[in-house]
Protein backbone atom coordinates (compact mmCIF):
# COMPACT_ATOMS: atom_id res chain seq x y z
CA UNK A 1 -96.44 104.38 50.52
CA UNK A 2 -95.91 104.10 53.78
CA UNK A 3 -96.59 106.71 56.54
CA UNK A 4 -93.43 107.58 59.51
CA UNK A 5 -94.10 109.56 61.73
CA UNK A 6 -90.89 111.78 63.59
CA UNK A 7 -91.40 113.27 66.81
CA UNK A 8 -88.36 115.74 67.31
CA UNK A 9 -88.13 118.99 69.15
CA UNK A 10 -84.87 120.28 67.25
CA UNK A 11 -85.98 121.74 64.03
CA UNK A 12 -82.78 121.22 61.77
CA UNK A 13 -82.70 117.66 62.55
CA UNK A 14 -86.58 117.38 61.99
CA UNK A 15 -85.80 119.14 58.31
CA UNK A 16 -82.94 117.15 57.60
CA UNK A 17 -85.00 113.24 58.76
CA UNK A 18 -87.92 114.62 56.42
CA UNK A 19 -86.07 115.59 53.70
CA UNK A 20 -84.40 112.09 53.48
CA UNK A 21 -86.90 110.13 54.18
CA UNK A 22 -89.31 112.23 51.59
CA UNK A 23 -86.70 111.43 48.87
CA UNK A 24 -87.25 107.71 49.25
CA UNK A 25 -90.73 107.75 48.84
CA UNK A 26 -92.07 107.77 52.58
CA UNK A 27 -95.16 110.14 53.26
CA UNK A 28 -93.63 111.58 56.45
CA UNK A 29 -95.57 113.51 59.22
CA UNK A 30 -94.01 115.87 61.52
CA UNK A 31 -93.76 116.74 65.38
CA UNK A 32 -92.08 119.27 67.03
CA UNK A 33 -92.63 117.88 70.46
CA UNK A 34 -94.04 114.27 71.84
CA UNK A 35 -97.27 115.87 72.83
CA UNK A 36 -98.32 117.07 69.49
CA UNK A 37 -96.84 113.38 68.13
CA UNK A 38 -98.92 111.47 70.61
CA UNK A 39 -101.86 113.56 68.94
CA UNK A 40 -100.58 112.53 65.20
CA UNK A 41 -99.89 109.18 66.05
CA UNK A 42 -103.76 108.17 67.22
CA UNK A 43 -104.95 110.19 64.47
CA UNK A 44 -102.90 109.20 61.85
CA UNK A 45 -101.59 105.70 62.97
CA UNK A 46 -98.47 105.93 60.80
CA UNK A 47 -96.44 102.51 59.79
CA UNK A 48 -93.63 103.80 62.12
CA UNK A 49 -92.22 106.07 64.48
CA UNK A 50 -88.93 107.76 65.44
CA UNK A 51 -88.89 109.98 68.12
CA UNK A 52 -86.62 111.76 70.43
CA UNK A 53 -85.68 111.42 73.52
CA UNK A 54 -84.97 114.67 75.40
CA UNK A 55 -87.65 116.62 74.23
CA UNK A 56 -90.06 119.73 75.90
CA UNK A 57 -93.15 118.46 78.06
CA UNK A 58 -92.76 114.85 77.03
CA UNK A 59 -89.95 113.06 76.56
CA UNK A 60 -89.39 109.93 74.25
CA UNK A 61 -89.93 107.47 76.91
CA UNK A 62 -93.24 109.02 78.05
CA UNK A 63 -94.21 108.98 74.59
CA UNK A 64 -93.69 105.37 74.26
CA UNK A 65 -94.90 104.26 77.02
CA UNK A 66 -98.29 106.70 76.54
CA UNK A 67 -98.94 104.63 72.48
CA UNK A 68 -98.22 101.23 73.97
CA UNK A 69 -100.69 102.03 76.20
CA UNK A 70 -103.40 102.58 73.89
CA UNK A 71 -105.28 99.67 71.94
CA UNK A 72 -104.94 101.44 68.26
CA UNK A 73 -101.09 102.61 68.53
CA UNK A 74 -99.26 99.78 70.60
CA UNK A 75 -98.16 97.99 67.70
CA UNK A 76 -96.80 100.77 65.92
CA UNK A 77 -92.52 100.11 65.64
CA UNK A 78 -91.03 102.54 67.47
CA UNK A 79 -87.47 104.09 67.12
CA UNK A 80 -85.68 106.15 69.43
CA UNK A 81 -83.08 108.91 68.28
CA UNK A 82 -80.62 109.38 71.38
CA UNK A 83 -78.08 111.27 71.63
CA UNK A 84 -76.31 109.74 74.45
CA UNK A 85 -74.47 106.48 73.42
CA UNK A 86 -74.44 105.61 77.34
CA UNK A 87 -74.97 101.54 77.70
CA UNK A 88 -77.76 102.00 80.46
CA UNK A 89 -79.77 104.47 78.43
CA UNK A 90 -80.07 102.22 75.38
CA UNK A 91 -80.91 99.59 77.54
CA UNK A 92 -83.68 101.49 78.74
CA UNK A 93 -85.19 102.37 75.62
CA UNK A 94 -84.82 98.64 74.14
CA UNK A 95 -86.57 97.40 77.82
CA UNK A 96 -89.62 100.03 77.35
CA UNK A 97 -90.52 97.31 74.01
CA UNK A 98 -88.80 100.10 71.56
CA UNK A 99 -87.87 98.24 68.26
CA UNK A 100 -84.67 99.57 67.63
CA UNK A 101 -82.45 103.17 68.07
CA UNK A 102 -80.39 105.73 66.22
CA UNK A 103 -77.52 107.41 68.04
CA UNK A 104 -76.64 111.12 66.89
CA UNK A 105 -75.55 112.07 64.83
CA UNK A 106 -75.95 109.42 61.80
CA UNK A 107 -75.53 109.64 58.27
CA UNK A 108 -78.54 109.10 55.69
CA UNK A 109 -77.69 105.21 55.08
CA UNK A 110 -77.89 104.49 58.75
CA UNK A 111 -80.72 106.18 58.85
CA UNK A 112 -82.64 104.58 55.65
CA UNK A 113 -81.21 101.05 56.58
CA UNK A 114 -82.79 101.26 59.74
CA UNK A 115 -86.41 102.23 58.39
CA UNK A 116 -86.44 99.70 55.75
CA UNK A 117 -85.37 96.88 58.03
CA UNK A 118 -87.44 98.25 60.44
CA UNK A 119 -90.40 98.07 57.95
CA UNK A 120 -89.51 94.70 56.23
CA UNK A 121 -89.93 93.24 59.58
CA UNK A 122 -93.27 94.33 59.95
CA UNK A 123 -94.37 93.31 56.49
CA UNK A 124 -92.94 90.01 56.96
CA UNK A 125 -94.81 89.33 59.91
CA UNK A 126 -97.95 90.15 58.66
CA UNK A 127 -97.39 88.83 54.96
CA UNK A 128 -96.17 85.51 56.00
CA UNK A 129 -96.44 84.75 59.47
CA UNK A 130 -100.32 85.68 60.19
CA UNK A 131 -102.27 83.64 57.92
CA UNK A 132 -100.06 80.60 59.81
CA UNK A 133 -101.52 82.41 62.80
CA UNK A 134 -105.00 82.53 61.74
CA UNK A 135 -104.28 78.64 61.32
CA UNK A 136 -103.98 78.52 64.67
CA UNK A 137 -105.62 80.65 66.56
CA UNK A 138 -109.06 82.26 66.08
CA UNK A 139 -110.49 85.59 67.70
CA UNK A 140 -113.34 85.07 69.16
CA UNK A 141 -113.54 88.79 70.84
CA UNK A 142 -112.41 91.29 72.86
CA UNK A 143 -113.92 89.83 75.98
CA UNK A 144 -111.71 89.74 79.52
CA UNK A 145 -109.63 86.48 80.18
CA UNK A 146 -113.15 85.85 83.50
CA UNK A 147 -115.87 86.26 80.79
CA UNK A 148 -114.99 84.39 77.87
CA UNK A 149 -112.72 82.77 75.72
CA UNK A 150 -110.23 84.85 74.19
CA UNK A 151 -108.55 82.37 71.24
CA UNK A 152 -109.54 79.00 69.72
CA UNK A 153 -107.49 76.62 71.20
CA UNK A 154 -109.21 73.74 69.73
CA UNK A 155 -107.10 75.39 66.39
CA UNK A 156 -103.71 75.56 67.84
CA UNK A 157 -102.14 72.67 65.63
CA UNK A 158 -99.72 69.99 67.60
CA UNK A 159 -101.10 71.20 70.61
CA UNK A 160 -100.24 69.06 74.10
CA UNK A 161 -102.80 67.98 76.46
CA UNK A 162 -102.17 67.57 80.22
CA UNK A 163 -104.46 65.91 82.89
CA UNK A 164 -104.45 67.21 86.50
CA UNK A 165 -106.66 65.70 89.35
CA UNK A 166 -107.84 67.66 91.97
CA UNK A 167 -105.99 69.23 94.44
CA UNK A 168 -102.69 68.96 91.65
CA UNK A 169 -100.60 71.85 91.51
CA UNK A 170 -99.94 72.89 87.59
CA UNK A 171 -96.84 75.39 88.48
CA UNK A 172 -95.72 76.52 91.77
CA UNK A 173 -94.76 80.21 92.87
CA UNK A 174 -90.92 80.73 91.38
CA UNK A 175 -91.38 78.38 89.41
CA UNK A 176 -89.51 80.10 85.78
CA UNK A 177 -92.64 80.04 83.22
CA UNK A 178 -91.97 77.82 79.87
CA UNK A 179 -95.78 77.76 78.23
CA UNK A 180 -98.92 79.39 79.11
CA UNK A 181 -101.73 77.18 79.37
CA UNK A 182 -105.79 76.84 77.81
CA UNK A 183 -108.33 74.95 80.09
CA UNK A 184 -110.39 72.92 77.86
CA UNK A 185 -112.36 71.25 81.42
CA UNK A 186 -112.55 72.39 85.38
CA UNK A 187 -111.25 74.67 86.95
CA UNK A 188 -108.00 75.94 87.87
CA UNK A 189 -106.72 78.80 91.25
CA UNK A 190 -104.32 81.08 91.11
CA UNK A 191 -103.13 81.61 94.69
CA UNK A 192 -100.32 83.61 97.37
CA UNK A 193 -99.32 81.40 100.58
CA UNK A 194 -97.86 83.42 103.84
CA UNK A 195 -95.60 82.78 106.19
CA UNK A 196 -97.90 81.48 108.58
CA UNK A 197 -99.02 78.85 105.23
CA UNK A 198 -102.70 80.66 104.67
CA UNK A 199 -103.71 81.68 101.11
CA UNK A 200 -104.91 83.60 99.46
CA UNK A 201 -107.08 83.06 96.13
CA UNK A 202 -106.13 85.62 93.44
CA UNK A 203 -108.29 83.96 90.26
CA UNK A 204 -110.35 81.61 89.64
CA UNK A 205 -109.86 80.07 85.99
CA UNK A 206 -112.70 78.12 84.28
CA UNK A 207 -112.95 76.35 80.63
CA UNK A 208 -111.98 78.79 78.17
CA UNK A 209 -109.75 81.11 80.40
CA UNK A 210 -106.38 80.97 79.82
CA UNK A 211 -103.23 81.70 82.26
CA UNK A 212 -99.89 81.64 82.81
CA UNK A 213 -98.68 84.33 80.08
CA UNK A 214 -98.59 87.42 82.62
CA UNK A 215 -94.88 86.27 83.47
CA UNK A 216 -94.27 85.44 80.07
CA UNK A 217 -94.97 88.99 78.53
CA UNK A 218 -92.92 90.51 81.98
CA UNK A 219 -89.81 87.43 81.44
CA UNK A 220 -90.12 86.55 85.11
CA UNK A 221 -90.92 83.46 87.50
CA UNK A 222 -94.88 82.75 88.67
CA UNK A 223 -95.42 85.01 91.46
CA UNK A 224 -98.48 82.61 92.45
CA UNK A 225 -99.30 79.27 92.37
CA UNK A 226 -101.48 77.40 90.86
CA UNK A 227 -104.21 74.48 91.59
CA UNK A 228 -106.43 72.34 89.59
CA UNK A 229 -110.15 72.72 91.65
CA UNK A 230 -110.91 69.22 89.91
CA UNK A 231 -110.65 67.09 86.82
CA UNK A 232 -108.92 69.00 84.67
CA UNK A 233 -107.66 69.36 80.82
CA UNK A 234 -105.73 71.44 79.55
CA UNK A 235 -103.89 72.45 76.88
CA UNK A 236 -99.93 73.94 76.60
CA UNK A 237 -99.15 75.96 73.89
CA UNK A 238 -95.29 76.86 74.32
CA UNK A 239 -93.22 80.12 75.55
CA UNK A 240 -92.12 80.17 71.80
CA UNK A 241 -95.66 79.89 70.29
CA UNK A 242 -97.41 82.48 72.70
CA UNK A 243 -94.45 84.99 71.64
CA UNK A 244 -95.15 84.36 67.91
CA UNK A 245 -98.14 84.47 68.62
CA UNK A 246 -97.85 88.15 69.86
CA UNK A 247 -95.44 89.14 67.68
CA UNK A 248 -96.99 88.43 64.45
CA UNK A 249 -100.69 89.39 65.13
CA UNK A 250 -101.82 92.74 66.43
CA UNK A 251 -104.86 91.91 66.98
CA UNK A 252 -103.89 88.91 69.60
CA UNK A 253 -101.16 91.14 70.95
CA UNK A 254 -104.02 93.46 71.76
CA UNK A 255 -106.53 91.07 73.20
CA UNK A 256 -104.14 90.39 75.69
CA UNK A 257 -103.82 93.86 76.67
CA UNK A 258 -107.36 94.24 77.25
CA UNK A 259 -107.29 90.88 79.18
CA UNK A 260 -104.29 92.52 81.75
CA UNK A 261 -106.02 95.73 81.72
CA UNK A 262 -109.17 93.84 83.03
CA UNK A 263 -107.14 91.34 85.38
CA UNK A 264 -105.70 94.22 87.33
CA UNK A 265 -109.15 96.38 87.71
CA UNK A 266 -110.46 93.13 88.86
CA UNK A 267 -107.90 92.47 91.32
CA UNK A 268 -107.92 95.95 92.45
CA UNK A 269 -111.62 96.08 93.32
CA UNK A 270 -111.35 92.64 94.90
CA UNK A 271 -108.58 93.99 97.11
CA UNK A 272 -110.72 97.27 98.42
CA UNK A 273 -113.39 94.85 99.10
CA UNK A 274 -111.51 93.05 101.31
CA UNK A 275 -109.96 96.43 103.08
CA UNK A 276 -113.52 97.93 103.08
CA UNK A 277 -116.37 95.47 103.56
CA UNK A 278 -117.77 94.20 106.13
CA UNK A 279 -117.23 89.87 106.00
CA UNK A 280 -121.03 89.43 105.08
CA UNK A 281 -121.14 91.69 102.50
CA UNK A 282 -117.10 89.94 101.11
CA UNK A 283 -118.67 86.80 101.55
CA UNK A 284 -122.09 87.54 99.53
CA UNK A 285 -119.82 89.56 96.72
CA UNK A 286 -117.72 86.35 96.21
CA UNK A 287 -121.14 84.40 96.14
CA UNK A 288 -122.45 86.45 93.09
CA UNK A 289 -118.64 86.59 91.74
CA UNK A 290 -118.40 82.72 91.86
CA UNK A 291 -122.24 82.64 90.24
CA UNK A 292 -121.63 85.09 87.40
CA UNK A 293 -118.57 82.87 86.57
CA UNK A 294 -121.11 80.15 85.95
CA UNK A 295 -122.92 81.57 83.70
CA UNK A 296 -125.35 83.20 86.33
CA UNK A 297 -125.88 79.43 87.37
CA UNK A 298 -128.33 78.98 90.24
CA UNK A 299 -126.31 76.02 91.95
CA UNK A 300 -122.50 76.36 93.08
CA UNK A 301 -120.21 74.00 93.76
CA UNK A 302 -117.47 75.14 95.99
CA UNK A 303 -115.01 74.46 98.73
CA UNK A 304 -115.55 76.03 102.07
CA UNK A 305 -111.88 76.62 102.34
CA UNK A 306 -112.04 78.38 98.60
CA UNK A 307 -114.73 80.36 99.85
CA UNK A 308 -112.51 81.63 102.88
CA UNK A 309 -109.69 82.11 100.97
CA UNK A 310 -111.19 84.30 98.43
CA UNK A 311 -112.74 86.46 101.06
CA UNK A 312 -109.60 86.87 103.30
CA UNK A 313 -111.36 85.43 106.28
CA UNK A 314 -111.36 81.72 108.62
CA UNK A 315 -113.66 78.82 107.20
CA UNK A 316 -115.21 78.63 110.18
CA UNK A 317 -116.27 82.43 109.80
CA UNK A 318 -117.34 81.74 106.08
CA UNK A 319 -119.43 78.68 107.20
CA UNK A 320 -121.14 80.88 110.00
CA UNK A 321 -121.90 83.53 107.20
CA UNK A 322 -123.36 81.05 105.41
CA UNK A 323 -125.75 79.42 107.83
CA UNK A 324 -127.14 83.40 108.34
CA UNK A 325 -127.73 83.63 105.00
CA UNK A 326 -129.55 80.14 104.63
CA UNK A 327 -131.78 81.60 107.87
CA UNK A 328 -132.72 84.94 105.87
CA UNK A 329 -133.80 83.08 102.89
CA UNK A 330 -131.06 84.45 100.77
CA UNK A 331 -129.46 81.19 99.92
CA UNK A 332 -130.18 77.34 100.60
CA UNK A 333 -127.41 74.54 100.90
CA UNK A 334 -128.27 71.39 99.82
CA UNK A 335 -127.26 67.52 101.28
CA UNK A 336 -123.77 67.40 99.41
CA UNK A 337 -123.29 70.62 100.25
CA UNK A 338 -123.98 72.98 96.81
CA UNK A 339 -124.96 76.65 97.26
CA UNK A 340 -128.41 77.50 95.74
CA UNK A 341 -129.28 81.16 95.09
CA UNK A 342 -132.71 81.94 96.39
CA UNK A 343 -132.03 85.76 96.29
CA UNK A 344 -129.17 86.95 94.14
CA UNK A 345 -130.69 90.35 94.08
CA UNK A 346 -130.46 90.51 97.53
CA UNK A 347 -127.49 89.50 97.95
CA UNK A 348 -126.12 91.74 95.29
CA UNK A 349 -127.81 95.06 97.72
CA UNK A 350 -126.85 93.72 101.02
CA UNK A 351 -125.61 96.23 103.32
CA UNK A 352 -121.93 96.52 104.34
């Protein structure tokens, strides 16, 4: 028996919908306002939610936003009830991620058909597509994008491989995202360029990381460029295949939600460091960040230009700072320019 949560502040409408669904053998949960509805959804994890748009305390848009922000409720199908037939209201509802809508007043047949169709589609995705997805992608954990593999690219069927030379672009800012990429070997940096041609590196991706999917989810062009930092091999996952993976597997969707949240927190932290930390502290933090990305390696190979673009300072300043660190016996520099970590703990507690 499927469980349906109804969130509706009008008691007559709430009672009417409840009676219709119960007669059709659905189990029904009732909430008379948005706040109560969110609590019931988080507690009972219903198979479907029907929610009014205009309500006191918390309107339907806010309810949907809160549930989509919660990993436990993000994938529950959501249908809006609205008394407004204006095009803009319906577009807003669907744009926020709703799975359907009903315009009040509606008859019994319209309600039951909408509910049945949404549940049938969800069941199809679970029973038909998910086994295919499990053959294509293996969940390896819920780690963040920059700390380990999220999915096993090696098990994706008919994957296409591309090879990039050092400093070769994967895509440019403003390009249309036709695919996402999994790094099999090598490293890729993403960066923005200001009007003076100065780069700011936004992220560095290594083997096992995925990139290029944020713009597919947001349905926008790339907001930054991506370039290989060394000889790199990548697997291509088409836009269509990625959408299929997200829609047919809540586990995969949840994994990427966690990844997006982690990436946002990391970028916010780096922006705060750029705003408030001294150059010495910024360079030290970047060295530790890169060391951790390499699995706490004791030797780091990185171009001074990339270090300056990560730290938001000039290349000359980075070179002087590294020289100071070397004199203080925090690091050493090999003949080929690699950085050896002599005292990472002291780097970590370096005063601002």
